[in-house]
Amino acid sequence: MSEAKPGYRVAFVERTGMQRLEERRGYARLLMPLAGNENHVDVMYMGAFTVLAEAVAAIPGISILDTARFFPIIKDIYVDFHKPAASDVTGEFGLDDDAMAGLLADLERKGSAGYLAEFPMHDAGGAHVATGRVTVKLLSHNWGG
């Protein structure tokens, strides 16, 4: 998996084999392969869903940042499982133009901003197998908290 931005390379995530299917400013569509991410009963391991949810949620925010000034963190993450996935799983999330403008304005004004990413995750057959809910915080390197 290639880097979203310089300095945002996570070897753990790369080891999952996660693939970027589509990315643009404020949007990400990613695939978590089943191969290498199976649990003891040959379905997607819970941790793989969590890694997918984190990346799908964070990449849209990272894509709008001047990373020399700002960085992302995950405040919380929740994955609601609906059914086992015995195939690759995809997730996608996007920020609209108004949301991106608001985040950037908050970053300039107060040094922090945040958003809730809520999105379905689907197996290769299109079944809704899980829902991700991730709170992403964007912070200034000078943020005092």
C-alpha atoms as a PDB file:
ATOM      1  CA  MET A   1       0.000   0.000   0.000  1.00  0.00           C
ATOM      2  CA  SER A   2       1.487   3.338  -0.979  1.00  0.00           C
ATOM      3  CA  GLU A   3       1.675   6.302   1.345  1.00  0.00           C
ATOM      4  CA  ALA A   4      -1.218   8.739   1.626  1.00  0.00           C
ATOM      5  CA  LYS A   5       1.178  11.584   2.449  1.00  0.00           C
ATOM      6  CA  PRO A   6       4.863  11.665   3.343  1.00  0.00           C
ATOM      7  CA  GLY A   7       5.284  10.686   6.986  1.00  0.00           C
ATOM      8  CA  TYR A   8       2.039   8.698   7.169  1.00  0.00           C
ATOM      9  CA  ARG A   9       3.397   5.251   6.473  1.00  0.00           C
ATOM     10  CA  VAL A  10       2.332   2.539   8.917  1.00  0.00           C
ATOM     11  CA  ALA A  11       4.137  -0.779   8.468  1.00  0.00           C
ATOM     12  CA  PHE A  12       1.462  -2.661  10.432  1.00  0.00           C
ATOM     13  CA  VAL A  13      -1.207  -1.516   7.962  1.00  0.00           C
ATOM     14  CA  GLU A  14       0.994  -2.402   5.006  1.00  0.00           C
ATOM     15  CA  ARG A  15       1.358  -5.967   6.308  1.00  0.00           C
ATOM     16  CA  THR A  16      -2.409  -6.474   5.971  1.00  0.00           C
ATOM     17  CA  GLY A  17      -2.147  -6.104   2.188  1.00  0.00           C
ATOM     18  CA  MET A  18      -4.865  -3.436   2.193  1.00  0.00           C
ATOM     19  CA  GLN A  19      -5.303  -1.883  -1.251  1.00  0.00           C
ATOM     20  CA  ARG A  20      -6.313   1.603  -2.303  1.00  0.00           C
ATOM     21  CA  LEU A  21      -9.014   1.206  -4.933  1.00  0.00           C
ATOM     22  CA  GLU A  22      -9.783   4.911  -5.338  1.00  0.00           C
ATOM     23  CA  GLU A  23      -8.544   8.058  -3.657  1.00  0.00           C
ATOM     24  CA  ARG A  24      -9.046  11.725  -4.292  1.00  0.00           C
ATOM     25  CA  ARG A  25      -9.251  14.862  -2.197  1.00  0.00           C
ATOM     26  CA  GLY A  26     -11.617  14.073   0.667  1.00  0.00           C
ATOM     27  CA  TYR A  27     -12.418  10.503  -0.423  1.00  0.00           C
ATOM     28  CA  ALA A  28     -11.109   6.958  -0.052  1.00  0.00           C
ATOM     29  CA  ARG A  29     -12.302   3.537  -1.207  1.00  0.00           C
ATOM     30  CA  LEU A  30     -10.158   0.699   0.138  1.00  0.00           C
ATOM     31  CA  LEU A  31     -10.098  -3.100   0.028  1.00  0.00           C
ATOM     32  CA  MET A  32      -8.973  -5.425   2.797  1.00  0.00           C
ATOM     33  CA  PRO A  33      -8.057  -8.815   1.316  1.00  0.00           C
ATOM     34  CA  LEU A  34      -9.237 -11.937   3.075  1.00  0.00           C
ATOM     35  CA  ALA A  35      -5.955 -13.706   2.245  1.00  0.00           C
ATOM     36  CA  GLY A  36      -3.638 -13.262   5.204  1.00  0.00           C
ATOM     37  CA  ASN A  37      -6.381 -11.694   7.347  1.00  0.00           C
ATOM     38  CA  GLU A  38      -8.452 -14.778   8.162  1.00  0.00           C
ATOM     39  CA  ASN A  39      -9.259 -15.881  11.670  1.00  0.00           C
ATOM     40  CA  HIS A  40      -9.399 -19.462  12.994  1.00  0.00           C
ATOM     41  CA  VAL A  41     -12.693 -20.161  11.146  1.00  0.00           C
ATOM     42  CA  ASP A  42     -11.553 -18.719   7.784  1.00  0.00           C
ATOM     43  CA  VAL A  43     -13.509 -15.457   7.863  1.00  0.00           C
ATOM     44  CA  MET A  44     -12.146 -11.897   8.124  1.00  0.00           C
ATOM     45  CA  TYR A  45     -10.376 -11.309  11.434  1.00  0.00           C
ATOM     46  CA  MET A  46     -11.888  -8.522  13.551  1.00  0.00           C
ATOM     47  CA  GLY A  47      -8.604  -6.622  13.628  1.00  0.00           C
ATOM     48  CA  ALA A  48      -8.585  -6.427   9.823  1.00  0.00           C
ATOM     49  CA  PHE A  49     -12.020  -4.751   9.877  1.00  0.00           C
ATOM     50  CA  THR A  50     -10.686  -2.281  12.436  1.00  0.00           C
ATOM     51  CA  VAL A  51      -7.625  -1.417  10.334  1.00  0.00           C
ATOM     52  CA  LEU A  52      -9.849  -0.974   7.273  1.00  0.00           C
ATOM     53  CA  ALA A  53     -12.246   1.282   9.202  1.00  0.00           C
ATOM     54  CA  GLU A  54      -9.408   3.427  10.550  1.00  0.00           C
ATOM     55  CA  ALA A  55      -7.841   3.946   7.120  1.00  0.00           C
ATOM     56  CA  VAL A  56     -11.131   4.565   5.286  1.00  0.00           C
ATOM     57  CA  ALA A  57     -12.031   7.221   7.863  1.00  0.00           C
ATOM     58  CA  ALA A  58      -8.633   8.918   8.163  1.00  0.00           C
ATOM     59  CA  ILE A  59      -7.463   9.151   4.547  1.00  0.00           C
ATOM     60  CA  PRO A  60     -10.129  11.686   3.472  1.00  0.00           C
ATOM     61  CA  GLY A  61      -9.033  14.010   6.286  1.00  0.00           C
ATOM     62  CA  ILE A  62      -5.342  13.470   5.660  1.00  0.00           C
ATOM     63  CA  SER A  63      -5.857  14.287   1.984  1.00  0.00           C
ATOM     64  CA  ILE A  64      -6.845  17.888   2.763  1.00  0.00           C
ATOM     65  CA  LEU A  65      -4.050  18.590   5.263  1.00  0.00           C
ATOM     66  CA  ASP A  66      -0.856  20.536   4.928  1.00  0.00           C
ATOM     67  CA  THR A  67       1.045  17.820   6.792  1.00  0.00           C
ATOM     68  CA  ALA A  68       3.872  20.206   7.650  1.00  0.00           C
ATOM     69  CA  ARG A  69       1.324  22.021   9.868  1.00  0.00           C
ATOM     70  CA  PHE A  70      -1.325  19.440  10.794  1.00  0.00           C
ATOM     71  CA  PHE A  71      -1.696  15.749  11.649  1.00  0.00           C
ATOM     72  CA  PRO A  72      -4.564  13.287  12.206  1.00  0.00           C
ATOM     73  CA  ILE A  73      -5.326  11.064  15.171  1.00  0.00           C
ATOM     74  CA  ILE A  74      -8.140   8.602  15.786  1.00  0.00           C
ATOM     75  CA  LYS A  75     -10.176   9.609  18.830  1.00  0.00           C
ATOM     76  CA  ASP A  76     -12.352   6.505  18.837  1.00  0.00           C
ATOM     77  CA  ILE A  77     -13.331   3.622  16.608  1.00  0.00           C
ATOM     78  CA  TYR A  78     -16.226   1.206  16.600  1.00  0.00           C
ATOM     79  CA  VAL A  79     -16.988  -1.614  14.194  1.00  0.00           C
ATOM     80  CA  ASP A  80     -20.499  -3.086  14.274  1.00  0.00           C
ATOM     81  CA  PHE A  81     -20.404  -6.581  12.750  1.00  0.00           C
ATOM     82  CA  HIS A  82     -23.505  -7.709  10.866  1.00  0.00           C
ATOM     83  CA  LYS A  83     -22.321 -11.023   9.406  1.00  0.00           C
ATOM     84  CA  PRO A  84     -19.052 -12.906   8.813  1.00  0.00           C
ATOM     85  CA  ALA A  85     -17.085 -12.059   5.672  1.00  0.00           C
ATOM     86  CA  ALA A  86     -15.509 -15.008   3.868  1.00  0.00           C
ATOM     87  CA  SER A  87     -14.114 -12.762   1.110  1.00  0.00           C
ATOM     88  CA  ASP A  88     -12.311  -9.464   0.594  1.00  0.00           C
ATOM     89  CA  VAL A  89     -14.048  -6.476   2.209  1.00  0.00           C
ATOM     90  CA  THR A  90     -14.323  -2.905   0.917  1.00  0.00           C
ATOM     91  CA  GLY A  91     -15.153   0.357   2.629  1.00  0.00           C
ATOM     92  CA  GLU A  92     -15.503   3.895   1.393  1.00  0.00           C
ATOM     93  CA  PHE A  93     -16.032   7.316   2.904  1.00  0.00           C
ATOM     94  CA  GLY A  94     -15.945  10.859   1.644  1.00  0.00           C
ATOM     95  CA  LEU A  95     -16.149  14.383   2.972  1.00  0.00           C
ATOM     96  CA  ASP A  96     -18.196  16.863   0.946  1.00  0.00           C
ATOM     97  CA  ASP A  97     -16.857  20.291  -0.026  1.00  0.00           C
ATOM     98  CA  ASP A  98     -18.654  22.065   2.835  1.00  0.00           C
ATOM     99  CA  ALA A  99     -17.274  19.620   5.411  1.00  0.00           C
ATOM    100  CA  MET A 100     -13.729  20.017   4.065  1.00  0.00           C
ATOM    101  CA  ALA A 101     -14.016  23.821   4.112  1.00  0.00           C
ATOM    102  CA  GLY A 102     -15.329  23.742   7.683  1.00  0.00           C
ATOM    103  CA  LEU A 103     -12.534  21.458   8.858  1.00  0.00           C
ATOM    104  CA  LEU A 104      -9.868  23.660   7.299  1.00  0.00           C
ATOM    105  CA  ALA A 105     -11.457  26.807   8.786  1.00  0.00           C
ATOM    106  CA  ASP A 106     -11.524  25.219  12.262  1.00  0.00           C
ATOM    107  CA  LEU A 107      -7.887  24.167  11.905  1.00  0.00           C
ATOM    108  CA  GLU A 108      -6.855  27.725  11.027  1.00  0.00           C
ATOM    109  CA  ARG A 109      -8.995  29.310  13.742  1.00  0.00           C
ATOM    110  CA  LYS A 110      -8.438  26.994  16.700  1.00  0.00           C
ATOM    111  CA  GLY A 111      -5.787  24.464  15.677  1.00  0.00           C
ATOM    112  CA  SER A 112      -8.117  21.477  15.858  1.00  0.00           C
ATOM    113  CA  ALA A 113     -11.050  20.023  13.983  1.00  0.00           C
ATOM    114  CA  GLY A 114     -12.852  16.726  13.883  1.00  0.00           C
ATOM    115  CA  TYR A 115     -15.403  14.624  12.091  1.00  0.00           C
ATOM    116  CA  LEU A 116     -17.334  11.410  12.489  1.00  0.00           C
ATOM    117  CA  ALA A 117     -16.981   8.945   9.631  1.00  0.00           C
ATOM    118  CA  GLU A 118     -19.767   6.381   9.498  1.00  0.00           C
ATOM    119  CA  PHE A 119     -19.812   3.962   6.579  1.00  0.00           C
ATOM    120  CA  PRO A 120     -20.756   0.427   5.540  1.00  0.00           C
ATOM    121  CA  MET A 121     -18.255  -2.279   4.719  1.00  0.00           C
ATOM    122  CA  HIS A 122     -19.202  -4.850   2.059  1.00  0.00           C
ATOM    123  CA  ASP A 123     -17.989  -8.314   1.136  1.00  0.00           C
ATOM    124  CA  ALA A 124     -17.114  -9.278  -2.440  1.00  0.00           C
ATOM    125  CA  GLY A 125     -20.756 -10.194  -3.124  1.00  0.00           C
ATOM    126  CA  GLY A 126     -21.968  -6.761  -2.019  1.00  0.00           C
ATOM    127  CA  ALA A 127     -23.413  -7.859   1.340  1.00  0.00           C
ATOM    128  CA  HIS A 128     -23.238  -5.249   4.117  1.00  0.00           C
ATOM    129  CA  VAL A 129     -21.047  -7.137   6.620  1.00  0.00           C
ATOM    130  CA  ALA A 130     -20.066  -4.346   9.030  1.00  0.00           C
ATOM    131  CA  THR A 131     -20.429  -0.650   9.765  1.00  0.00           C
ATOM    132  CA  GLY A 132     -17.503   1.519  10.810  1.00  0.00           C
ATOM    133  CA  ARG A 133     -17.882   4.560  13.085  1.00  0.00           C
ATOM    134  CA  VAL A 134     -14.652   6.484  13.542  1.00  0.00           C
ATOM    135  CA  THR A 135     -14.020   9.870  15.119  1.00  0.00           C
ATOM    136  CA  VAL A 136     -11.050  11.543  13.434  1.00  0.00           C
ATOM    137  CA  LYS A 137      -9.307  14.552  14.976  1.00  0.00           C
ATOM    138  CA  LEU A 138      -7.125  16.862  12.914  1.00  0.00           C
ATOM    139  CA  LEU A 139      -4.639  18.859  14.972  1.00  0.00           C
ATOM    140  CA  SER A 140      -2.039  21.541  14.477  1.00  0.00           C
ATOM    141  CA  HIS A 141       1.532  20.580  15.339  1.00  0.00           C
ATOM    142  CA  ASN A 142       1.344  23.637  17.656  1.00  0.00           C
ATOM    143  CA  TRP A 143      -1.971  22.640  19.222  1.00  0.00           C
ATOM    144  CA  GLY A 144      -1.956  23.047  22.980  1.00  0.00           C
ATOM    145  CA  GLY A 145      -5.050  20.977  23.783  1.00  0.00           C
END
